[in-house]
Amino acid sequence: MQRMNTKDKILQASLELFNTEGEQDVTSVDIANVLGMSPGNLYYHFKGKDPIIHQLFIDFEEEFKMVLQAPIEKPLELSDNWVYFYILFEEVADFRFFYRNLQALIERYGDLEQRFRRLVNLKIKTMASIIFDLGEQGFIQISKSEAEQMAERFALQLTYWPTYHSLMAPTMPLPVSIHHGVFSLVSQLTPYVREGGAEYLELITQFRDKMLQAVKRK
């Protein structure tokens, strides 16, 4: 097993602190203390908190782009949609401090606004691709304009879900919240299901409950 280098340890510890404590309340000294290193040692690898945030965004951007590109390059099977959306929500959850403090971070780091906007546009493109593919498969019947609006709603939900989660269900375990988020998203397809919208809603409700039971047993 490959050992984690010091830079990666700093990034991992910083990410955990930013997600749990809030980025604005964490200093580089806090990060050094968690790792049991001197602030000078941390400064040798990262010249303060700003370069850490910048590197974390690069890591997030790279991972998220790969996940978002997947269904554009190769359409998903119908049965894969729940798992795929769960992965998307999980990626957002892993870097949720960016979303929770987005406006302040954009104001502090000018280059983040354009890069984050590109990510949101890619979300919309990916969601549109999935919705259009469901139409091509004959699973849903939806007009082009409705599909475009739904793609934007899906992207909006993925973008602001961390803030909603922290406000409405701060004590809910993340895996549980993610399954609820996926259910909320895919249930929006119900009115457009060609045959058996009620049956579809019942099916995904049962699947959500099954996933939640599995999470609780862990």
C-alpha atoms as a PDB file:
ATOM      1  CA  MET A   1       0.000   0.000   0.000  1.00  0.00           C
ATOM      2  CA  GLN A   2       1.371   3.380  -1.010  1.00  0.00           C
ATOM      3  CA  ARG A   3       1.969   5.740   1.888  1.00  0.00           C
ATOM      4  CA  MET A   4       0.331   9.140   1.763  1.00  0.00           C
ATOM      5  CA  ASN A   5       2.829  11.959   1.389  1.00  0.00           C
ATOM      6  CA  THR A   6       2.805  15.040   3.606  1.00  0.00           C
ATOM      7  CA  LYS A   7       1.076  17.256   1.045  1.00  0.00           C
ATOM      8  CA  ASP A   8      -1.758  14.767   0.625  1.00  0.00           C
ATOM      9  CA  LYS A   9      -2.091  14.436   4.404  1.00  0.00           C
ATOM     10  CA  ILE A  10      -2.403  18.216   4.686  1.00  0.00           C
ATOM     11  CA  LEU A  11      -5.045  18.306   1.944  1.00  0.00           C
ATOM     12  CA  GLN A  12      -7.043  15.466   3.499  1.00  0.00           C
ATOM     13  CA  ALA A  13      -6.962  16.995   6.982  1.00  0.00           C
ATOM     14  CA  SER A  14      -7.876  20.413   5.596  1.00  0.00           C
ATOM     15  CA  LEU A  15     -10.809  19.007   3.644  1.00  0.00           C
ATOM     16  CA  GLU A  16     -12.178  17.236   6.720  1.00  0.00           C
ATOM     17  CA  LEU A  17     -11.831  20.379   8.836  1.00  0.00           C
ATOM     18  CA  PHE A  18     -13.374  22.647   6.200  1.00  0.00           C
ATOM     19  CA  ASN A  19     -16.330  20.280   5.768  1.00  0.00           C
ATOM     20  CA  THR A  20     -17.010  19.808   9.470  1.00  0.00           C
ATOM     21  CA  GLU A  21     -16.004  23.157  10.976  1.00  0.00           C
ATOM     22  CA  GLY A  22     -16.576  25.515   8.062  1.00  0.00           C
ATOM     23  CA  GLU A  23     -13.696  26.839   5.976  1.00  0.00           C
ATOM     24  CA  GLN A  24     -14.009  30.377   7.333  1.00  0.00           C
ATOM     25  CA  ASP A  25     -13.455  29.155  10.918  1.00  0.00           C
ATOM     26  CA  VAL A  26     -10.341  27.092  10.182  1.00  0.00           C
ATOM     27  CA  THR A  27      -6.823  28.550  10.132  1.00  0.00           C
ATOM     28  CA  SER A  28      -3.587  27.060   8.865  1.00  0.00           C
ATOM     29  CA  VAL A  29      -2.514  26.728  12.514  1.00  0.00           C
ATOM     30  CA  ASP A  30      -5.632  24.596  13.180  1.00  0.00           C
ATOM     31  CA  ILE A  31      -4.659  22.336  10.291  1.00  0.00           C
ATOM     32  CA  ALA A  32      -1.095  22.023  11.572  1.00  0.00           C
ATOM     33  CA  ASN A  33      -2.346  21.191  15.083  1.00  0.00           C
ATOM     34  CA  VAL A  34      -4.612  18.405  13.799  1.00  0.00           C
ATOM     35  CA  LEU A  35      -1.669  16.879  11.962  1.00  0.00           C
ATOM     36  CA  GLY A  36       0.681  17.314  14.909  1.00  0.00           C
ATOM     37  CA  MET A  37       3.124  19.390  12.882  1.00  0.00           C
ATOM     38  CA  SER A  38       4.519  22.865  13.332  1.00  0.00           C
ATOM     39  CA  PRO A  39       2.979  25.753  11.362  1.00  0.00           C
ATOM     40  CA  GLY A  40       6.411  26.226   9.804  1.00  0.00           C
ATOM     41  CA  ASN A  41       6.387  22.652   8.478  1.00  0.00           C
ATOM     42  CA  LEU A  42       2.943  23.178   6.968  1.00  0.00           C
ATOM     43  CA  TYR A  43       4.098  26.469   5.461  1.00  0.00           C
ATOM     44  CA  TYR A  44       6.963  24.626   3.759  1.00  0.00           C
ATOM     45  CA  HIS A  45       4.384  22.640   1.751  1.00  0.00           C
ATOM     46  CA  PHE A  46       1.617  25.256   1.434  1.00  0.00           C
ATOM     47  CA  LYS A  47       2.158  28.983   1.930  1.00  0.00           C
ATOM     48  CA  GLY A  48      -0.974  29.387   4.056  1.00  0.00           C
ATOM     49  CA  LYS A  49      -4.615  28.368   3.717  1.00  0.00           C
ATOM     50  CA  ASP A  50      -5.289  29.924   0.299  1.00  0.00           C
ATOM     51  CA  PRO A  51      -3.034  27.549  -1.678  1.00  0.00           C
ATOM     52  CA  ILE A  52      -4.655  24.618   0.150  1.00  0.00           C
ATOM     53  CA  ILE A  53      -8.123  25.756  -0.913  1.00  0.00           C
ATOM     54  CA  HIS A  54      -6.906  26.286  -4.457  1.00  0.00           C
ATOM     55  CA  GLN A  55      -5.440  22.770  -4.661  1.00  0.00           C
ATOM     56  CA  LEU A  56      -8.574  21.233  -3.160  1.00  0.00           C
ATOM     57  CA  PHE A  57     -10.667  22.946  -5.822  1.00  0.00           C
ATOM     58  CA  ILE A  58      -8.390  21.608  -8.555  1.00  0.00           C
ATOM     59  CA  ASP A  59      -8.807  18.089  -7.134  1.00  0.00           C
ATOM     60  CA  PHE A  60     -12.578  18.514  -6.877  1.00  0.00           C
ATOM     61  CA  GLU A  61     -12.839  19.964 -10.379  1.00  0.00           C
ATOM     62  CA  GLU A  62     -10.841  17.109 -11.890  1.00  0.00           C
ATOM     63  CA  GLU A  63     -12.844  14.370 -10.148  1.00  0.00           C
ATOM     64  CA  PHE A  64     -16.229  15.965 -10.807  1.00  0.00           C
ATOM     65  CA  LYS A  65     -15.538  16.561 -14.491  1.00  0.00           C
ATOM     66  CA  MET A  66     -14.718  12.888 -14.988  1.00  0.00           C
ATOM     67  CA  VAL A  67     -17.943  11.807 -13.287  1.00  0.00           C
ATOM     68  CA  LEU A  68     -20.046  14.338 -15.206  1.00  0.00           C
ATOM     69  CA  GLN A  69     -18.565  13.384 -18.578  1.00  0.00           C
ATOM     70  CA  ALA A  70     -19.339   9.676 -18.191  1.00  0.00           C
ATOM     71  CA  PRO A  71     -23.034   9.620 -19.290  1.00  0.00           C
ATOM     72  CA  ILE A  72     -22.323  12.121 -22.070  1.00  0.00           C
ATOM     73  CA  GLU A  73     -19.702   9.808 -23.559  1.00  0.00           C
ATOM     74  CA  LYS A  74     -21.693   6.614 -22.941  1.00  0.00           C
ATOM     75  CA  PRO A  75     -25.454   6.629 -22.155  1.00  0.00           C
ATOM     76  CA  LEU A  76     -26.482   4.996 -18.879  1.00  0.00           C
ATOM     77  CA  GLU A  77     -28.643   1.927 -18.631  1.00  0.00           C
ATOM     78  CA  LEU A  78     -31.965   2.753 -16.961  1.00  0.00           C
ATOM     79  CA  SER A  79     -31.072   0.693 -13.884  1.00  0.00           C
ATOM     80  CA  ASP A  80     -27.817   2.629 -13.426  1.00  0.00           C
ATOM     81  CA  ASN A  81     -29.401   6.039 -12.867  1.00  0.00           C
ATOM     82  CA  TRP A  82     -29.878   5.772  -9.094  1.00  0.00           C
ATOM     83  CA  VAL A  83     -26.278   4.662  -8.565  1.00  0.00           C
ATOM     84  CA  TYR A  84     -24.978   7.386 -10.875  1.00  0.00           C
ATOM     85  CA  PHE A  85     -26.930  10.142  -9.123  1.00  0.00           C
ATOM     86  CA  TYR A  86     -25.769   8.797  -5.761  1.00  0.00           C
ATOM     87  CA  ILE A  87     -22.160   9.110  -6.963  1.00  0.00           C
ATOM     88  CA  LEU A  88     -22.831  12.701  -8.061  1.00  0.00           C
ATOM     89  CA  PHE A  89     -24.316  13.644  -4.685  1.00  0.00           C
ATOM     90  CA  GLU A  90     -21.423  11.874  -2.954  1.00  0.00           C
ATOM     91  CA  GLU A  91     -18.878  13.909  -4.936  1.00  0.00           C
ATOM     92  CA  VAL A  92     -20.668  17.104  -3.897  1.00  0.00           C
ATOM     93  CA  ALA A  93     -20.766  15.922  -0.276  1.00  0.00           C
ATOM     94  CA  ASP A  94     -17.031  15.167  -0.271  1.00  0.00           C
ATOM     95  CA  PHE A  95     -16.272  18.823  -1.120  1.00  0.00           C
ATOM     96  CA  ARG A  96     -19.362  20.386   0.436  1.00  0.00           C
ATOM     97  CA  PHE A  97     -17.524  23.326   2.025  1.00  0.00           C
ATOM     98  CA  PHE A  98     -17.171  24.848  -1.457  1.00  0.00           C
ATOM     99  CA  TYR A  99     -20.937  24.836  -1.883  1.00  0.00           C
ATOM    100  CA  ARG A 100     -21.809  26.004   1.608  1.00  0.00           C
ATOM    101  CA  ASN A 101     -19.523  29.021   1.412  1.00  0.00           C
ATOM    102  CA  LEU A 102     -19.595  29.516  -2.350  1.00  0.00           C
ATOM    103  CA  GLN A 103     -20.281  33.253  -2.540  1.00  0.00           C
ATOM    104  CA  ALA A 104     -17.566  34.159  -0.037  1.00  0.00           C
ATOM    105  CA  LEU A 105     -15.029  31.912  -1.773  1.00  0.00           C
ATOM    106  CA  ILE A 106     -15.857  33.405  -5.162  1.00  0.00           C
ATOM    107  CA  GLU A 107     -15.348  36.898  -3.763  1.00  0.00           C
ATOM    108  CA  ARG A 108     -11.971  35.922  -2.305  1.00  0.00           C
ATOM    109  CA  TYR A 109     -10.682  33.890  -5.235  1.00  0.00           C
ATOM    110  CA  GLY A 110     -11.581  35.537  -8.526  1.00  0.00           C
ATOM    111  CA  ASP A 111     -10.711  32.579 -10.748  1.00  0.00           C
ATOM    112  CA  LEU A 112     -13.167  30.273  -8.938  1.00  0.00           C
ATOM    113  CA  GLU A 113     -16.279  31.991 -10.290  1.00  0.00           C
ATOM    114  CA  GLN A 114     -15.617  31.182 -13.936  1.00  0.00           C
ATOM    115  CA  ARG A 115     -14.395  27.681 -13.159  1.00  0.00           C
ATOM    116  CA  PHE A 116     -17.385  26.910 -10.947  1.00  0.00           C
ATOM    117  CA  ARG A 117     -19.732  28.303 -13.601  1.00  0.00           C
ATOM    118  CA  ARG A 118     -18.207  25.898 -16.123  1.00  0.00           C
ATOM    119  CA  LEU A 119     -18.864  23.022 -13.722  1.00  0.00           C
ATOM    120  CA  VAL A 120     -22.511  24.047 -13.317  1.00  0.00           C
ATOM    121  CA  ASN A 121     -22.888  24.294 -17.097  1.00  0.00           C
ATOM    122  CA  LEU A 122     -21.414  20.810 -17.396  1.00  0.00           C
ATOM    123  CA  LYS A 123     -23.931  19.599 -14.792  1.00  0.00           C
ATOM    124  CA  ILE A 124     -26.752  20.996 -16.932  1.00  0.00           C
ATOM    125  CA  LYS A 125     -25.329  19.353 -20.059  1.00  0.00           C
ATOM    126  CA  THR A 126     -25.001  16.010 -18.263  1.00  0.00           C
ATOM    127  CA  MET A 127     -28.507  16.164 -16.805  1.00  0.00           C
ATOM    128  CA  ALA A 128     -29.921  17.033 -20.243  1.00  0.00           C
ATOM    129  CA  SER A 129     -28.064  14.095 -21.771  1.00  0.00           C
ATOM    130  CA  ILE A 130     -29.519  11.695 -19.197  1.00  0.00           C
ATOM    131  CA  ILE A 131     -33.068  13.028 -19.632  1.00  0.00           C
ATOM    132  CA  PHE A 132     -32.900  12.936 -23.434  1.00  0.00           C
ATOM    133  CA  ASP A 133     -31.511   9.387 -23.293  1.00  0.00           C
ATOM    134  CA  LEU A 134     -34.456   8.318 -21.107  1.00  0.00           C
ATOM    135  CA  GLY A 135     -36.706   9.742 -23.794  1.00  0.00           C
ATOM    136  CA  GLU A 136     -34.809   7.897 -26.528  1.00  0.00           C
ATOM    137  CA  GLN A 137     -35.179   4.661 -24.570  1.00  0.00           C
ATOM    138  CA  GLY A 138     -38.926   5.232 -24.470  1.00  0.00           C
ATOM    139  CA  PHE A 139     -39.032   5.412 -20.691  1.00  0.00           C
ATOM    140  CA  ILE A 140     -40.299   8.975 -20.512  1.00  0.00           C
ATOM    141  CA  GLN A 141     -42.168  11.259 -22.893  1.00  0.00           C
ATOM    142  CA  ILE A 142     -41.021  14.845 -22.550  1.00  0.00           C
ATOM    143  CA  SER A 143     -40.723  17.842 -24.828  1.00  0.00           C
ATOM    144  CA  LYS A 144     -37.360  19.427 -25.595  1.00  0.00           C
ATOM    145  CA  SER A 145     -38.164  22.591 -23.631  1.00  0.00           C
ATOM    146  CA  GLU A 146     -39.418  20.607 -20.605  1.00  0.00           C
ATOM    147  CA  ALA A 147     -36.301  18.442 -20.708  1.00  0.00           C
ATOM    148  CA  GLU A 148     -34.088  21.520 -20.762  1.00  0.00           C
ATOM    149  CA  GLN A 149     -35.927  23.029 -17.788  1.00  0.00           C
ATOM    150  CA  MET A 150     -35.678  19.758 -15.870  1.00  0.00           C
ATOM    151  CA  ALA A 151     -31.945  19.564 -16.579  1.00  0.00           C
ATOM    152  CA  GLU A 152     -31.523  23.012 -15.032  1.00  0.00           C
ATOM    153  CA  ARG A 153     -33.593  21.999 -11.984  1.00  0.00           C
ATOM    154  CA  PHE A 154     -31.474  18.871 -11.516  1.00  0.00           C
ATOM    155  CA  ALA A 155     -28.278  20.944 -11.725  1.00  0.00           C
ATOM    156  CA  LEU A 156     -29.716  23.512  -9.324  1.00  0.00           C
ATOM    157  CA  GLN A 157     -30.599  20.815  -6.801  1.00  0.00           C
ATOM    158  CA  LEU A 158     -27.115  19.296  -7.010  1.00  0.00           C
ATOM    159  CA  THR A 159     -25.558  22.725  -6.483  1.00  0.00           C
ATOM    160  CA  TYR A 160     -27.595  23.866  -3.488  1.00  0.00           C
ATOM    161  CA  TRP A 161     -28.224  20.515  -1.824  1.00  0.00           C
ATOM    162  CA  PRO A 162     -25.336  20.910   0.716  1.00  0.00           C
ATOM    163  CA  THR A 163     -26.791  24.202   1.975  1.00  0.00           C
ATOM    164  CA  TYR A 164     -30.275  22.709   2.212  1.00  0.00           C
ATOM    165  CA  HIS A 165     -28.923  19.654   4.047  1.00  0.00           C
ATOM    166  CA  SER A 166     -26.994  21.734   6.600  1.00  0.00           C
ATOM    167  CA  LEU A 167     -30.019  23.965   7.203  1.00  0.00           C
ATOM    168  CA  MET A 168     -32.861  21.436   7.278  1.00  0.00           C
ATOM    169  CA  ALA A 169     -31.191  18.243   8.479  1.00  0.00           C
ATOM    170  CA  PRO A 170     -27.839  19.082  10.115  1.00  0.00           C
ATOM    171  CA  THR A 171     -27.811  15.900  12.218  1.00  0.00           C
ATOM    172  CA  MET A 172     -28.886  13.536   9.442  1.00  0.00           C
ATOM    173  CA  PRO A 173     -26.057  11.196   8.358  1.00  0.00           C
ATOM    174  CA  LEU A 174     -24.756  12.125   4.931  1.00  0.00           C
ATOM    175  CA  PRO A 175     -25.477   8.739   3.265  1.00  0.00           C
ATOM    176  CA  VAL A 176     -29.116   9.015   4.394  1.00  0.00           C
ATOM    177  CA  SER A 177     -29.376  12.585   3.158  1.00  0.00           C
ATOM    178  CA  ILE A 178     -27.845  11.588  -0.174  1.00  0.00           C
ATOM    179  CA  HIS A 179     -30.429   8.853  -0.745  1.00  0.00           C
ATOM    180  CA  HIS A 180     -33.199  11.344   0.069  1.00  0.00           C
ATOM    181  CA  GLY A 181     -31.603  13.783  -2.364  1.00  0.00           C
ATOM    182  CA  VAL A 182     -31.462  11.195  -5.138  1.00  0.00           C
ATOM    183  CA  PHE A 183     -35.084  10.234  -4.509  1.00  0.00           C
ATOM    184  CA  SER A 184     -36.173  13.868  -4.635  1.00  0.00           C
ATOM    185  CA  LEU A 185     -34.381  14.261  -7.939  1.00  0.00           C
ATOM    186  CA  VAL A 186     -35.487  11.106  -9.782  1.00  0.00           C
ATOM    187  CA  SER A 187     -39.076  11.386  -8.528  1.00  0.00           C
ATOM    188  CA  GLN A 188     -39.414  14.485 -10.711  1.00  0.00           C
ATOM    189  CA  LEU A 189     -39.519  12.122 -13.688  1.00  0.00           C
ATOM    190  CA  THR A 190     -42.798  10.572 -12.490  1.00  0.00           C
ATOM    191  CA  PRO A 191     -45.246  12.713 -14.547  1.00  0.00           C
ATOM    192  CA  TYR A 192     -43.296  11.927 -17.714  1.00  0.00           C
ATOM    193  CA  VAL A 193     -43.076   8.135 -17.369  1.00  0.00           C
ATOM    194  CA  ARG A 194     -44.747   6.651 -20.448  1.00  0.00           C
ATOM    195  CA  GLU A 195     -46.388   3.712 -18.730  1.00  0.00           C
ATOM    196  CA  GLY A 196     -47.115   3.421 -15.033  1.00  0.00           C
ATOM    197  CA  GLY A 197     -46.033   6.650 -13.400  1.00  0.00           C
ATOM    198  CA  ALA A 198     -47.621   5.555 -10.114  1.00  0.00           C
ATOM    199  CA  GLU A 199     -45.848   2.211 -10.334  1.00  0.00           C
ATOM    200  CA  TYR A 200     -42.548   3.979 -11.025  1.00  0.00           C
ATOM    201  CA  LEU A 201     -42.965   6.208  -7.972  1.00  0.00           C
ATOM    202  CA  GLU A 202     -43.804   3.199  -5.811  1.00  0.00           C
ATOM    203  CA  LEU A 203     -40.776   1.333  -7.163  1.00  0.00           C
ATOM    204  CA  ILE A 204     -38.281   4.115  -6.447  1.00  0.00           C
ATOM    205  CA  THR A 205     -39.859   4.686  -3.014  1.00  0.00           C
ATOM    206  CA  GLN A 206     -39.312   1.037  -2.166  1.00  0.00           C
ATOM    207  CA  PHE A 207     -35.764   1.194  -3.515  1.00  0.00           C
ATOM    208  CA  ARG A 208     -35.019   4.302  -1.432  1.00  0.00           C
ATOM    209  CA  ASP A 209     -36.335   2.614   1.708  1.00  0.00           C
ATOM    210  CA  LYS A 210     -34.254  -0.476   0.948  1.00  0.00           C
ATOM    211  CA  MET A 211     -31.123   1.664   0.574  1.00  0.00           C
ATOM    212  CA  LEU A 212     -31.883   3.535   3.809  1.00  0.00           C
ATOM    213  CA  GLN A 213     -32.287   0.261   5.689  1.00  0.00           C
ATOM    214  CA  ALA A 214     -28.913  -0.886   4.347  1.00  0.00           C
ATOM    215  CA  VAL A 215     -27.301   2.368   5.517  1.00  0.00           C
ATOM    216  CA  LYS A 216     -28.792   2.029   9.005  1.00  0.00           C
ATOM    217  CA  ARG A 217     -27.489  -1.527   9.344  1.00  0.00           C
ATOM    218  CA  LYS A 218     -23.902  -0.408   8.782  1.00  0.00           C
END
